[in-house]
Amino acid sequence: MANLFDPAQSPTVEPEKVVVGDFIQWRRVDLGSDYPNDLFTMTYVARITAGGASEIQITGTAYEGGYLFTVPSATSADFNAGFYHYQLEAVRNSDSNRIVIDRGFFTAIVDLDVNNSDPRTHAEIMLAKIKSLLEGKADADVANYSIAGRSLTKLSFDELIKARDYYQEEYNKEVRAQRISKGQPTGATVKVRFL
């Protein structure tokens, strides 16, 4: 395992997952030949999915012919947990012209040290809520009702089953991706037929 505080041992690609409140650091050694760090400024701009007014900006510093990107713990502590899209912008210092040279995404994960943080993903939370609705459906199955002129319509049993199946598959994808990233077996069965 590398010492991630040491710039020389930091990853050479963007992180796919970050923990809110962690010190984050990575290098882009592949950019220096096309965008020399004395002539260009590199900045990541990120925004959480589903919009939001806040924008994360991380500007690189010159490091061994490439760029080093560092996010102090105090800065990442302000990140909201969720799924972010980012773009890497190269700005030519001589005239401030900009080009987006890379795009991607990352997930900010809650810090378990923070009180009352829920470490579950959106898929896990929705799956639990839908299962709870399905369990209570038999006891109080009213499709819609009105009180004081306001009406409410509940999801049907079939709609809940469809939603449960969707979120179960999303959750299964997350689990498989996590196992693959750790080099663990995914539990998937591969069928082979010999002729």
N, C-alpha and C. Protein backbone atom coordinates (compact mmCIF):
# COMPACT_ATOMS: atom_id res chain seq x y z
N MET A 1 0.85 -1.18 0.00
CA MET A 1 0.00 0.00 0.00
C MET A 1 0.89 1.23 0.00
N ALA A 2 0.49 2.23 -0.76
CA ALA A 2 1.25 3.47 -0.88
C ALA A 2 0.85 4.46 0.21
N ASN A 3 1.78 5.36 0.54
CA ASN A 3 1.49 6.46 1.45
C ASN A 3 0.84 7.56 0.63
N LEU A 4 -0.46 7.71 0.74
CA LEU A 4 -1.21 8.64 -0.11
C LEU A 4 -0.99 10.11 0.25
N PHE A 5 -0.28 10.38 1.35
CA PHE A 5 0.11 11.75 1.67
C PHE A 5 1.34 12.17 0.87
N ASP A 6 2.10 11.21 0.38
CA ASP A 6 3.32 11.47 -0.38
C ASP A 6 2.95 11.70 -1.84
N PRO A 7 3.24 12.90 -2.39
CA PRO A 7 2.88 13.17 -3.79
C PRO A 7 3.48 12.15 -4.77
N ALA A 8 4.68 11.67 -4.49
CA ALA A 8 5.34 10.72 -5.39
C ALA A 8 4.62 9.38 -5.43
N GLN A 9 3.84 9.06 -4.38
CA GLN A 9 3.12 7.79 -4.33
C GLN A 9 1.62 7.95 -4.61
N SER A 10 1.20 9.17 -4.89
CA SER A 10 -0.22 9.40 -5.13
C SER A 10 -0.64 8.78 -6.45
N PRO A 11 -1.92 8.44 -6.59
CA PRO A 11 -2.41 7.85 -7.85
C PRO A 11 -2.20 8.79 -9.03
N THR A 12 -2.13 8.21 -10.22
CA THR A 12 -1.93 9.01 -11.44
C THR A 12 -3.23 9.15 -12.24
N VAL A 13 -4.34 8.86 -11.60
CA VAL A 13 -5.67 9.06 -12.19
C VAL A 13 -6.58 9.66 -11.12
N GLU A 14 -7.70 10.20 -11.56
CA GLU A 14 -8.67 10.78 -10.64
C GLU A 14 -9.27 9.68 -9.76
N PRO A 15 -9.61 10.01 -8.52
CA PRO A 15 -10.27 9.01 -7.67
C PRO A 15 -11.70 8.77 -8.14
N GLU A 16 -12.16 7.53 -8.03
CA GLU A 16 -13.55 7.22 -8.37
C GLU A 16 -14.45 7.39 -7.16
N LYS A 17 -13.86 7.22 -5.96
CA LYS A 17 -14.61 7.40 -4.71
C LYS A 17 -13.75 8.19 -3.75
N VAL A 18 -14.37 9.13 -3.05
CA VAL A 18 -13.68 9.88 -2.01
C VAL A 18 -14.57 9.88 -0.77
N VAL A 19 -13.94 9.93 0.40
CA VAL A 19 -14.68 10.01 1.65
C VAL A 19 -14.72 11.48 2.05
N VAL A 20 -15.90 11.98 2.32
CA VAL A 20 -16.07 13.37 2.73
C VAL A 20 -15.21 13.61 3.97
N GLY A 21 -14.35 14.63 3.91
CA GLY A 21 -13.47 14.96 5.03
C GLY A 21 -12.08 14.38 4.90
N ASP A 22 -11.81 13.59 3.87
CA ASP A 22 -10.47 13.01 3.66
C ASP A 22 -9.57 13.97 2.91
N PHE A 23 -8.26 13.82 3.12
CA PHE A 23 -7.25 14.47 2.30
C PHE A 23 -7.19 13.68 0.98
N ILE A 24 -7.28 14.36 -0.15
CA ILE A 24 -7.33 13.69 -1.46
C ILE A 24 -6.21 14.26 -2.32
N GLN A 25 -5.50 13.39 -3.01
CA GLN A 25 -4.38 13.84 -3.83
C GLN A 25 -4.18 12.88 -5.00
N TRP A 26 -3.92 13.43 -6.19
CA TRP A 26 -3.58 12.62 -7.34
C TRP A 26 -2.76 13.45 -8.32
N ARG A 27 -2.10 12.77 -9.23
CA ARG A 27 -1.26 13.43 -10.24
C ARG A 27 -1.79 13.13 -11.62
N ARG A 28 -1.51 14.04 -12.55
CA ARG A 28 -1.73 13.79 -13.98
C ARG A 28 -0.38 14.02 -14.66
N VAL A 29 0.38 12.94 -14.80
CA VAL A 29 1.70 13.01 -15.43
C VAL A 29 1.60 12.99 -16.94
N ASP A 30 0.44 12.62 -17.47
CA ASP A 30 0.24 12.48 -18.91
C ASP A 30 -0.03 13.81 -19.62
N LEU A 31 -0.19 14.88 -18.89
CA LEU A 31 -0.59 16.16 -19.49
C LEU A 31 0.57 17.10 -19.78
N GLY A 32 1.69 16.91 -19.11
CA GLY A 32 2.79 17.86 -19.18
C GLY A 32 3.39 18.08 -20.55
N SER A 33 3.43 17.03 -21.39
CA SER A 33 4.05 17.20 -22.71
C SER A 33 3.17 18.06 -23.64
N ASP A 34 1.87 17.89 -23.60
CA ASP A 34 0.97 18.67 -24.45
C ASP A 34 0.60 20.02 -23.84
N TYR A 35 0.55 20.07 -22.51
CA TYR A 35 0.16 21.28 -21.79
C TYR A 35 1.20 21.57 -20.71
N PRO A 36 2.37 22.12 -21.08
CA PRO A 36 3.42 22.38 -20.10
C PRO A 36 2.90 23.23 -18.94
N ASN A 37 3.27 22.85 -17.71
CA ASN A 37 2.69 23.50 -16.54
C ASN A 37 3.17 24.94 -16.33
N ASP A 38 4.14 25.41 -17.12
CA ASP A 38 4.51 26.82 -17.05
C ASP A 38 3.70 27.68 -18.03
N LEU A 39 2.95 27.03 -18.92
CA LEU A 39 2.15 27.75 -19.91
C LEU A 39 0.64 27.58 -19.72
N PHE A 40 0.25 26.59 -18.94
CA PHE A 40 -1.17 26.27 -18.77
C PHE A 40 -1.53 26.11 -17.30
N THR A 41 -2.80 26.29 -16.99
CA THR A 41 -3.36 26.02 -15.67
C THR A 41 -4.43 24.95 -15.85
N MET A 42 -4.38 23.90 -15.02
CA MET A 42 -5.36 22.82 -15.07
C MET A 42 -6.28 22.90 -13.86
N THR A 43 -7.58 22.87 -14.12
CA THR A 43 -8.57 22.95 -13.04
C THR A 43 -9.68 21.93 -13.27
N TYR A 44 -9.97 21.15 -12.23
CA TYR A 44 -11.15 20.27 -12.25
C TYR A 44 -12.33 21.09 -11.73
N VAL A 45 -13.45 20.99 -12.42
CA VAL A 45 -14.69 21.62 -11.99
C VAL A 45 -15.71 20.49 -11.85
N ALA A 46 -16.32 20.38 -10.67
CA ALA A 46 -17.26 19.28 -10.40
C ALA A 46 -18.57 19.84 -9.86
N ARG A 47 -19.64 19.12 -10.18
CA ARG A 47 -20.97 19.49 -9.70
C ARG A 47 -21.73 18.20 -9.40
N ILE A 48 -22.47 18.21 -8.30
CA ILE A 48 -23.22 17.03 -7.88
C ILE A 48 -24.38 16.77 -8.85
N THR A 49 -24.70 15.50 -9.06
CA THR A 49 -25.82 15.11 -9.90
C THR A 49 -27.11 15.67 -9.31
N ALA A 50 -28.06 15.96 -10.16
CA ALA A 50 -29.35 16.55 -9.78
C ALA A 50 -29.20 18.03 -9.50
N GLY A 51 -28.10 18.59 -9.97
CA GLY A 51 -27.92 20.03 -9.89
C GLY A 51 -27.50 20.51 -8.53
N GLY A 52 -27.56 21.76 -8.38
CA GLY A 52 -27.11 22.39 -7.15
C GLY A 52 -26.25 23.59 -7.51
N ALA A 53 -26.29 24.60 -6.69
CA ALA A 53 -25.57 25.83 -7.00
C ALA A 53 -24.09 25.72 -6.70
N SER A 54 -23.71 24.83 -5.79
CA SER A 54 -22.30 24.76 -5.41
C SER A 54 -21.48 24.02 -6.46
N GLU A 55 -20.26 24.53 -6.64
CA GLU A 55 -19.35 23.96 -7.62
C GLU A 55 -18.02 23.72 -6.92
N ILE A 56 -17.41 22.58 -7.18
CA ILE A 56 -16.10 22.27 -6.63
C ILE A 56 -15.07 22.60 -7.69
N GLN A 57 -14.03 23.35 -7.30
CA GLN A 57 -12.93 23.64 -8.21
C GLN A 57 -11.63 23.21 -7.54
N ILE A 58 -10.83 22.44 -8.27
CA ILE A 58 -9.54 21.95 -7.77
C ILE A 58 -8.49 22.30 -8.83
N THR A 59 -7.61 23.22 -8.49
CA THR A 59 -6.59 23.66 -9.43
C THR A 59 -5.28 22.94 -9.15
N GLY A 60 -4.66 22.45 -10.20
CA GLY A 60 -3.40 21.72 -10.06
C GLY A 60 -2.21 22.64 -9.89
N THR A 61 -1.16 22.08 -9.29
CA THR A 61 0.12 22.77 -9.16
C THR A 61 1.15 22.01 -9.98
N ALA A 62 2.20 22.72 -10.38
CA ALA A 62 3.26 22.09 -11.17
C ALA A 62 3.95 21.02 -10.32
N TYR A 63 4.12 19.83 -10.92
CA TYR A 63 4.80 18.75 -10.21
C TYR A 63 5.52 17.86 -11.23
N GLU A 64 6.83 17.89 -11.20
CA GLU A 64 7.68 17.04 -12.04
C GLU A 64 7.21 16.98 -13.50
N GLY A 65 6.97 18.10 -14.10
CA GLY A 65 6.58 18.13 -15.51
C GLY A 65 5.11 17.86 -15.75
N GLY A 66 4.37 17.53 -14.72
CA GLY A 66 2.93 17.28 -14.83
C GLY A 66 2.19 18.18 -13.86
N TYR A 67 1.09 17.66 -13.33
CA TYR A 67 0.25 18.43 -12.42
C TYR A 67 -0.10 17.59 -11.21
N LEU A 68 -0.12 18.23 -10.03
CA LEU A 68 -0.53 17.60 -8.79
C LEU A 68 -1.79 18.29 -8.31
N PHE A 69 -2.81 17.50 -7.99
CA PHE A 69 -4.09 18.03 -7.49
C PHE A 69 -4.25 17.59 -6.05
N THR A 70 -4.51 18.56 -5.17
CA THR A 70 -4.60 18.29 -3.74
C THR A 70 -5.87 18.92 -3.18
N VAL A 71 -6.60 18.14 -2.38
CA VAL A 71 -7.79 18.65 -1.71
C VAL A 71 -7.59 18.43 -0.22
N PRO A 72 -7.41 19.51 0.56
CA PRO A 72 -7.24 19.35 2.00
C PRO A 72 -8.51 18.78 2.65
N SER A 73 -8.33 18.15 3.80
CA SER A 73 -9.48 17.58 4.53
C SER A 73 -10.54 18.61 4.83
N ALA A 74 -10.12 19.82 5.21
CA ALA A 74 -11.08 20.89 5.54
C ALA A 74 -11.94 21.25 4.33
N THR A 75 -11.38 21.15 3.13
CA THR A 75 -12.14 21.45 1.91
C THR A 75 -13.11 20.33 1.58
N SER A 76 -12.64 19.09 1.61
CA SER A 76 -13.53 17.98 1.25
C SER A 76 -14.61 17.74 2.30
N ALA A 77 -14.41 18.27 3.52
CA ALA A 77 -15.44 18.15 4.55
C ALA A 77 -16.71 18.90 4.15
N ASP A 78 -16.58 19.86 3.23
CA ASP A 78 -17.74 20.60 2.75
C ASP A 78 -18.45 19.93 1.58
N PHE A 79 -17.89 18.83 1.05
CA PHE A 79 -18.54 18.12 -0.06
C PHE A 79 -19.82 17.48 0.46
N ASN A 80 -20.86 17.52 -0.35
CA ASN A 80 -22.07 16.75 -0.04
C ASN A 80 -21.87 15.34 -0.56
N ALA A 81 -22.31 14.35 0.20
CA ALA A 81 -22.23 12.97 -0.28
C ALA A 81 -23.11 12.84 -1.50
N GLY A 82 -22.62 12.11 -2.50
CA GLY A 82 -23.40 11.90 -3.71
C GLY A 82 -22.53 11.66 -4.91
N PHE A 83 -23.16 11.64 -6.06
CA PHE A 83 -22.52 11.33 -7.34
C PHE A 83 -22.22 12.64 -8.05
N TYR A 84 -20.97 12.84 -8.45
CA TYR A 84 -20.54 14.09 -9.08
C TYR A 84 -20.06 13.83 -10.51
N HIS A 85 -20.30 14.80 -11.38
CA HIS A 85 -19.70 14.84 -12.71
C HIS A 85 -18.63 15.92 -12.68
N TYR A 86 -17.52 15.66 -13.37
CA TYR A 86 -16.47 16.67 -13.42
C TYR A 86 -15.98 16.85 -14.84
N GLN A 87 -15.29 17.97 -15.06
CA GLN A 87 -14.56 18.18 -16.29
C GLN A 87 -13.22 18.80 -15.92
N LEU A 88 -12.19 18.45 -16.70
CA LEU A 88 -10.85 19.00 -16.51
C LEU A 88 -10.65 20.08 -17.56
N GLU A 89 -10.37 21.28 -17.10
CA GLU A 89 -10.22 22.42 -17.99
C GLU A 89 -8.76 22.85 -18.06
N ALA A 90 -8.25 23.00 -19.29
CA ALA A 90 -6.92 23.55 -19.52
C ALA A 90 -7.09 25.01 -19.94
N VAL A 91 -6.45 25.90 -19.23
CA VAL A 91 -6.50 27.32 -19.56
C VAL A 91 -5.11 27.77 -19.97
N ARG A 92 -5.01 28.35 -21.16
CA ARG A 92 -3.74 28.89 -21.64
C ARG A 92 -3.48 30.20 -20.92
N ASN A 93 -2.38 30.28 -20.18
CA ASN A 93 -2.08 31.44 -19.35
C ASN A 93 -1.92 32.72 -20.15
N SER A 94 -1.43 32.63 -21.37
CA SER A 94 -1.14 33.83 -22.16
C SER A 94 -2.38 34.62 -22.55
N ASP A 95 -3.52 33.94 -22.76
CA ASP A 95 -4.73 34.65 -23.19
C ASP A 95 -6.01 34.20 -22.49
N SER A 96 -5.89 33.31 -21.51
CA SER A 96 -7.03 32.81 -20.71
C SER A 96 -8.05 32.01 -21.52
N ASN A 97 -7.69 31.54 -22.72
CA ASN A 97 -8.59 30.67 -23.46
C ASN A 97 -8.61 29.30 -22.80
N ARG A 98 -9.78 28.68 -22.83
CA ARG A 98 -10.02 27.43 -22.12
C ARG A 98 -10.45 26.33 -23.07
N ILE A 99 -10.03 25.09 -22.75
CA ILE A 99 -10.49 23.89 -23.45
C ILE A 99 -10.79 22.83 -22.40
N VAL A 100 -11.94 22.16 -22.52
CA VAL A 100 -12.25 21.01 -21.66
C VAL A 100 -11.55 19.81 -22.28
N ILE A 101 -10.64 19.20 -21.54
CA ILE A 101 -9.85 18.10 -22.11
C ILE A 101 -10.21 16.73 -21.56
N ASP A 102 -11.02 16.69 -20.52
CA ASP A 102 -11.40 15.39 -19.96
C ASP A 102 -12.68 15.56 -19.17
N ARG A 103 -13.46 14.48 -19.10
CA ARG A 103 -14.69 14.47 -18.31
C ARG A 103 -14.79 13.14 -17.61
N GLY A 104 -15.51 13.12 -16.51
CA GLY A 104 -15.69 11.87 -15.77
C GLY A 104 -16.63 12.08 -14.59
N PHE A 105 -16.53 11.18 -13.62
CA PHE A 105 -17.40 11.25 -12.46
C PHE A 105 -16.72 10.61 -11.26
N PHE A 106 -17.21 10.94 -10.08
CA PHE A 106 -16.75 10.31 -8.84
C PHE A 106 -17.89 10.32 -7.85
N THR A 107 -17.77 9.50 -6.82
CA THR A 107 -18.76 9.42 -5.77
C THR A 107 -18.14 9.91 -4.47
N ALA A 108 -18.80 10.83 -3.79
CA ALA A 108 -18.38 11.26 -2.46
C ALA A 108 -19.19 10.46 -1.45
N ILE A 109 -18.48 9.77 -0.58
CA ILE A 109 -19.10 8.85 0.38
C ILE A 109 -19.10 9.50 1.76
N VAL A 110 -20.16 9.27 2.53
CA VAL A 110 -20.25 9.86 3.87
C VAL A 110 -19.13 9.34 4.75
N ASP A 111 -18.70 10.17 5.67
CA ASP A 111 -17.70 9.82 6.67
C ASP A 111 -18.42 9.16 7.84
N LEU A 112 -18.04 7.96 8.19
CA LEU A 112 -18.73 7.24 9.26
C LEU A 112 -18.47 7.84 10.63
N ASP A 113 -17.47 8.73 10.75
CA ASP A 113 -17.20 9.40 12.02
C ASP A 113 -18.22 10.49 12.32
N VAL A 114 -18.94 10.94 11.30
CA VAL A 114 -19.91 12.00 11.49
C VAL A 114 -21.18 11.40 12.09
N ASN A 115 -21.71 12.05 13.12
CA ASN A 115 -22.91 11.53 13.80
C ASN A 115 -24.09 11.43 12.83
N ASN A 116 -24.82 10.37 12.98
CA ASN A 116 -26.06 10.13 12.24
C ASN A 116 -25.88 10.02 10.73
N SER A 117 -24.66 9.73 10.26
CA SER A 117 -24.49 9.57 8.82
C SER A 117 -24.99 8.20 8.40
N ASP A 118 -25.64 8.16 7.27
CA ASP A 118 -26.18 6.91 6.72
C ASP A 118 -25.26 6.48 5.59
N PRO A 119 -24.50 5.38 5.78
CA PRO A 119 -23.53 4.98 4.76
C PRO A 119 -24.14 4.28 3.55
N ARG A 120 -25.44 4.08 3.55
CA ARG A 120 -26.07 3.36 2.44
C ARG A 120 -26.12 4.22 1.18
N THR A 121 -26.07 3.55 0.05
CA THR A 121 -26.23 4.24 -1.23
C THR A 121 -27.72 4.54 -1.45
N HIS A 122 -27.99 5.35 -2.46
CA HIS A 122 -29.38 5.67 -2.80
C HIS A 122 -30.16 4.38 -3.11
N ALA A 123 -29.53 3.48 -3.86
CA ALA A 123 -30.21 2.22 -4.20
C ALA A 123 -30.56 1.42 -2.95
N GLU A 124 -29.64 1.36 -1.99
CA GLU A 124 -29.91 0.61 -0.74
C GLU A 124 -31.06 1.24 0.04
N ILE A 125 -31.06 2.57 0.12
CA ILE A 125 -32.11 3.26 0.87
C ILE A 125 -33.47 3.03 0.21
N MET A 126 -33.54 3.19 -1.11
CA MET A 126 -34.80 3.01 -1.82
C MET A 126 -35.29 1.57 -1.73
N LEU A 127 -34.37 0.61 -1.85
CA LEU A 127 -34.73 -0.80 -1.75
C LEU A 127 -35.35 -1.09 -0.39
N ALA A 128 -34.77 -0.58 0.68
CA ALA A 128 -35.31 -0.80 2.03
C ALA A 128 -36.69 -0.17 2.18
N LYS A 129 -36.87 1.04 1.64
CA LYS A 129 -38.16 1.72 1.75
C LYS A 129 -39.25 0.97 0.97
N ILE A 130 -38.91 0.51 -0.21
CA ILE A 130 -39.90 -0.21 -1.03
C ILE A 130 -40.27 -1.54 -0.38
N LYS A 131 -39.27 -2.23 0.16
CA LYS A 131 -39.57 -3.50 0.85
C LYS A 131 -40.49 -3.25 2.05
N SER A 132 -40.25 -2.16 2.76
CA SER A 132 -41.10 -1.81 3.90
C SER A 132 -42.53 -1.53 3.44
N LEU A 133 -42.67 -0.81 2.32
CA LEU A 133 -44.01 -0.55 1.77
C LEU A 133 -44.71 -1.84 1.38
N LEU A 134 -43.95 -2.74 0.75
CA LEU A 134 -44.54 -4.02 0.34
C LEU A 134 -45.00 -4.83 1.54
N GLU A 135 -44.23 -4.80 2.62
CA GLU A 135 -44.62 -5.55 3.83
C GLU A 135 -45.90 -4.99 4.44
N GLY A 136 -46.09 -3.68 4.38
CA GLY A 136 -47.28 -3.07 4.96
C GLY A 136 -48.46 -3.01 4.00
N LYS A 137 -48.25 -3.37 2.76
CA LYS A 137 -49.28 -3.26 1.72
C LYS A 137 -50.51 -4.12 2.04
N ALA A 138 -50.28 -5.30 2.57
CA ALA A 138 -51.41 -6.21 2.85
C ALA A 138 -52.29 -5.67 3.97
N ASP A 139 -51.70 -4.91 4.91
CA ASP A 139 -52.46 -4.42 6.06
C ASP A 139 -53.29 -3.19 5.73
N ALA A 140 -52.80 -2.34 4.85
CA ALA A 140 -53.48 -1.07 4.58
C ALA A 140 -53.46 -0.79 3.09
N ASP A 141 -54.13 -1.61 2.32
CA ASP A 141 -54.07 -1.47 0.87
C ASP A 141 -55.24 -0.65 0.35
N VAL A 142 -55.05 0.65 0.36
CA VAL A 142 -56.02 1.58 -0.21
C VAL A 142 -55.31 2.28 -1.36
N ALA A 143 -55.87 2.22 -2.55
CA ALA A 143 -55.20 2.76 -3.73
C ALA A 143 -55.13 4.29 -3.69
N ASN A 144 -56.22 4.96 -3.26
CA ASN A 144 -56.19 6.42 -3.14
C ASN A 144 -57.26 6.85 -2.17
N TYR A 145 -57.08 8.03 -1.63
CA TYR A 145 -58.07 8.57 -0.71
C TYR A 145 -57.98 10.08 -0.70
N SER A 146 -59.03 10.72 -0.16
CA SER A 146 -59.08 12.17 -0.06
C SER A 146 -59.41 12.57 1.36
N ILE A 147 -58.72 13.65 1.80
CA ILE A 147 -59.00 14.22 3.12
C ILE A 147 -59.04 15.74 2.94
N ALA A 148 -60.12 16.35 3.32
CA ALA A 148 -60.27 17.81 3.24
C ALA A 148 -59.95 18.33 1.84
N GLY A 149 -60.40 17.64 0.83
CA GLY A 149 -60.22 18.10 -0.55
C GLY A 149 -58.86 17.80 -1.15
N ARG A 150 -57.96 17.18 -0.40
CA ARG A 150 -56.64 16.81 -0.93
C ARG A 150 -56.63 15.31 -1.13
N SER A 151 -56.12 14.88 -2.27
CA SER A 151 -56.12 13.44 -2.55
C SER A 151 -54.69 12.93 -2.67
N LEU A 152 -54.54 11.65 -2.40
CA LEU A 152 -53.25 10.97 -2.47
C LEU A 152 -53.46 9.63 -3.16
N THR A 153 -52.59 9.31 -4.08
CA THR A 153 -52.65 8.03 -4.77
C THR A 153 -51.38 7.25 -4.47
N LYS A 154 -51.55 6.02 -4.04
CA LYS A 154 -50.41 5.17 -3.73
C LYS A 154 -50.01 4.36 -4.96
N LEU A 155 -48.77 3.90 -4.93
CA LEU A 155 -48.33 3.00 -5.99
C LEU A 155 -49.04 1.66 -5.85
N SER A 156 -49.34 1.05 -6.96
CA SER A 156 -49.97 -0.26 -6.93
C SER A 156 -48.93 -1.31 -6.55
N PHE A 157 -49.41 -2.50 -6.24
CA PHE A 157 -48.53 -3.61 -5.88
C PHE A 157 -47.55 -3.90 -7.04
N ASP A 158 -48.07 -3.92 -8.26
CA ASP A 158 -47.21 -4.19 -9.42
C ASP A 158 -46.16 -3.10 -9.61
N GLU A 159 -46.54 -1.83 -9.39
CA GLU A 159 -45.57 -0.74 -9.51
C GLU A 159 -44.48 -0.84 -8.45
N LEU A 160 -44.86 -1.24 -7.24
CA LEU A 160 -43.87 -1.42 -6.17
C LEU A 160 -42.92 -2.57 -6.49
N ILE A 161 -43.46 -3.66 -7.03
CA ILE A 161 -42.62 -4.81 -7.41
C ILE A 161 -41.62 -4.39 -8.48
N LYS A 162 -42.09 -3.64 -9.46
CA LYS A 162 -41.22 -3.17 -10.54
C LYS A 162 -40.11 -2.26 -9.98
N ALA A 163 -40.48 -1.35 -9.08
CA ALA A 163 -39.50 -0.46 -8.46
C ALA A 163 -38.51 -1.24 -7.59
N ARG A 164 -39.02 -2.24 -6.85
CA ARG A 164 -38.13 -3.06 -6.03
C ARG A 164 -37.12 -3.79 -6.90
N ASP A 165 -37.57 -4.38 -7.99
CA ASP A 165 -36.68 -5.11 -8.89
C ASP A 165 -35.62 -4.18 -9.49
N TYR A 166 -36.02 -2.97 -9.85
CA TYR A 166 -35.08 -1.99 -10.41
C TYR A 166 -33.98 -1.66 -9.40
N TYR A 167 -34.38 -1.30 -8.18
CA TYR A 167 -33.39 -0.92 -7.17
C TYR A 167 -32.57 -2.11 -6.70
N GLN A 168 -33.14 -3.31 -6.72
CA GLN A 168 -32.37 -4.50 -6.37
C GLN A 168 -31.24 -4.70 -7.39
N GLU A 169 -31.53 -4.51 -8.67
CA GLU A 169 -30.51 -4.65 -9.71
C GLU A 169 -29.46 -3.56 -9.57
N GLU A 170 -29.87 -2.33 -9.26
CA GLU A 170 -28.91 -1.24 -9.05
C GLU A 170 -27.98 -1.56 -7.88
N TYR A 171 -28.56 -2.07 -6.80
CA TYR A 171 -27.76 -2.45 -5.63
C TYR A 171 -26.81 -3.58 -5.98
N ASN A 172 -27.29 -4.58 -6.72
CA ASN A 172 -26.43 -5.70 -7.12
C ASN A 172 -25.26 -5.22 -7.96
N LYS A 173 -25.50 -4.24 -8.85
CA LYS A 173 -24.42 -3.67 -9.66
C LYS A 173 -23.37 -3.01 -8.78
N GLU A 174 -23.83 -2.27 -7.76
CA GLU A 174 -22.89 -1.61 -6.85
C GLU A 174 -22.03 -2.63 -6.11
N VAL A 175 -22.68 -3.70 -5.64
CA VAL A 175 -21.94 -4.74 -4.92
C VAL A 175 -20.92 -5.41 -5.83
N ARG A 176 -21.33 -5.74 -7.07
CA ARG A 176 -20.40 -6.36 -8.03
C ARG A 176 -19.22 -5.44 -8.33
N ALA A 177 -19.50 -4.17 -8.54
CA ALA A 177 -18.43 -3.20 -8.84
C ALA A 177 -17.46 -3.10 -7.67
N GLN A 178 -17.98 -3.10 -6.45
CA GLN A 178 -17.12 -3.02 -5.28
C GLN A 178 -16.26 -4.28 -5.16
N ARG A 179 -16.85 -5.43 -5.41
CA ARG A 179 -16.07 -6.68 -5.33
C ARG A 179 -15.00 -6.73 -6.41
N ILE A 180 -15.34 -6.29 -7.62
CA ILE A 180 -14.36 -6.27 -8.71
C ILE A 180 -13.20 -5.35 -8.35
N SER A 181 -13.51 -4.17 -7.79
CA SER A 181 -12.45 -3.22 -7.46
C SER A 181 -11.51 -3.76 -6.38
N LYS A 182 -12.00 -4.69 -5.57
CA LYS A 182 -11.16 -5.29 -4.52
C LYS A 182 -10.60 -6.65 -4.94
N GLY A 183 -10.87 -7.06 -6.20
CA GLY A 183 -10.35 -8.33 -6.68
C GLY A 183 -11.05 -9.54 -6.08
N GLN A 184 -12.25 -9.36 -5.60
CA GLN A 184 -13.01 -10.44 -4.99
C GLN A 184 -13.94 -11.08 -6.02
N PRO A 185 -14.32 -12.34 -5.79
CA PRO A 185 -15.27 -12.97 -6.72
C PRO A 185 -16.62 -12.25 -6.66
N THR A 186 -17.28 -12.17 -7.80
CA THR A 186 -18.54 -11.43 -7.89
C THR A 186 -19.75 -12.30 -7.60
N GLY A 187 -19.57 -13.58 -7.60
CA GLY A 187 -20.70 -14.47 -7.38
C GLY A 187 -21.49 -14.74 -8.64
N ALA A 188 -21.05 -14.16 -9.76
CA ALA A 188 -21.74 -14.38 -11.03
C ALA A 188 -21.40 -15.78 -11.54
N THR A 189 -22.37 -16.44 -12.10
CA THR A 189 -22.18 -17.77 -12.65
C THR A 189 -21.95 -17.66 -14.15
N VAL A 190 -20.90 -18.28 -14.61
CA VAL A 190 -20.61 -18.30 -16.04
C VAL A 190 -20.91 -19.71 -16.54
N LYS A 191 -21.83 -19.81 -17.49
CA LYS A 191 -22.20 -21.12 -18.03
C LYS A 191 -21.46 -21.35 -19.32
N VAL A 192 -20.91 -22.56 -19.45
CA VAL A 192 -20.13 -22.91 -20.64
C VAL A 192 -20.68 -24.22 -21.17
N ARG A 193 -20.83 -24.30 -22.49
CA ARG A 193 -21.27 -25.54 -23.10
C ARG A 193 -20.16 -25.99 -24.05
N PHE A 194 -19.75 -27.25 -23.90
CA PHE A 194 -18.74 -27.82 -24.78
C PHE A 194 -19.44 -28.65 -25.84
N LEU A 195 -19.08 -28.43 -27.05
CA LEU A 195 -19.70 -29.17 -28.15
C LEU A 195 -18.81 -30.29 -28.62
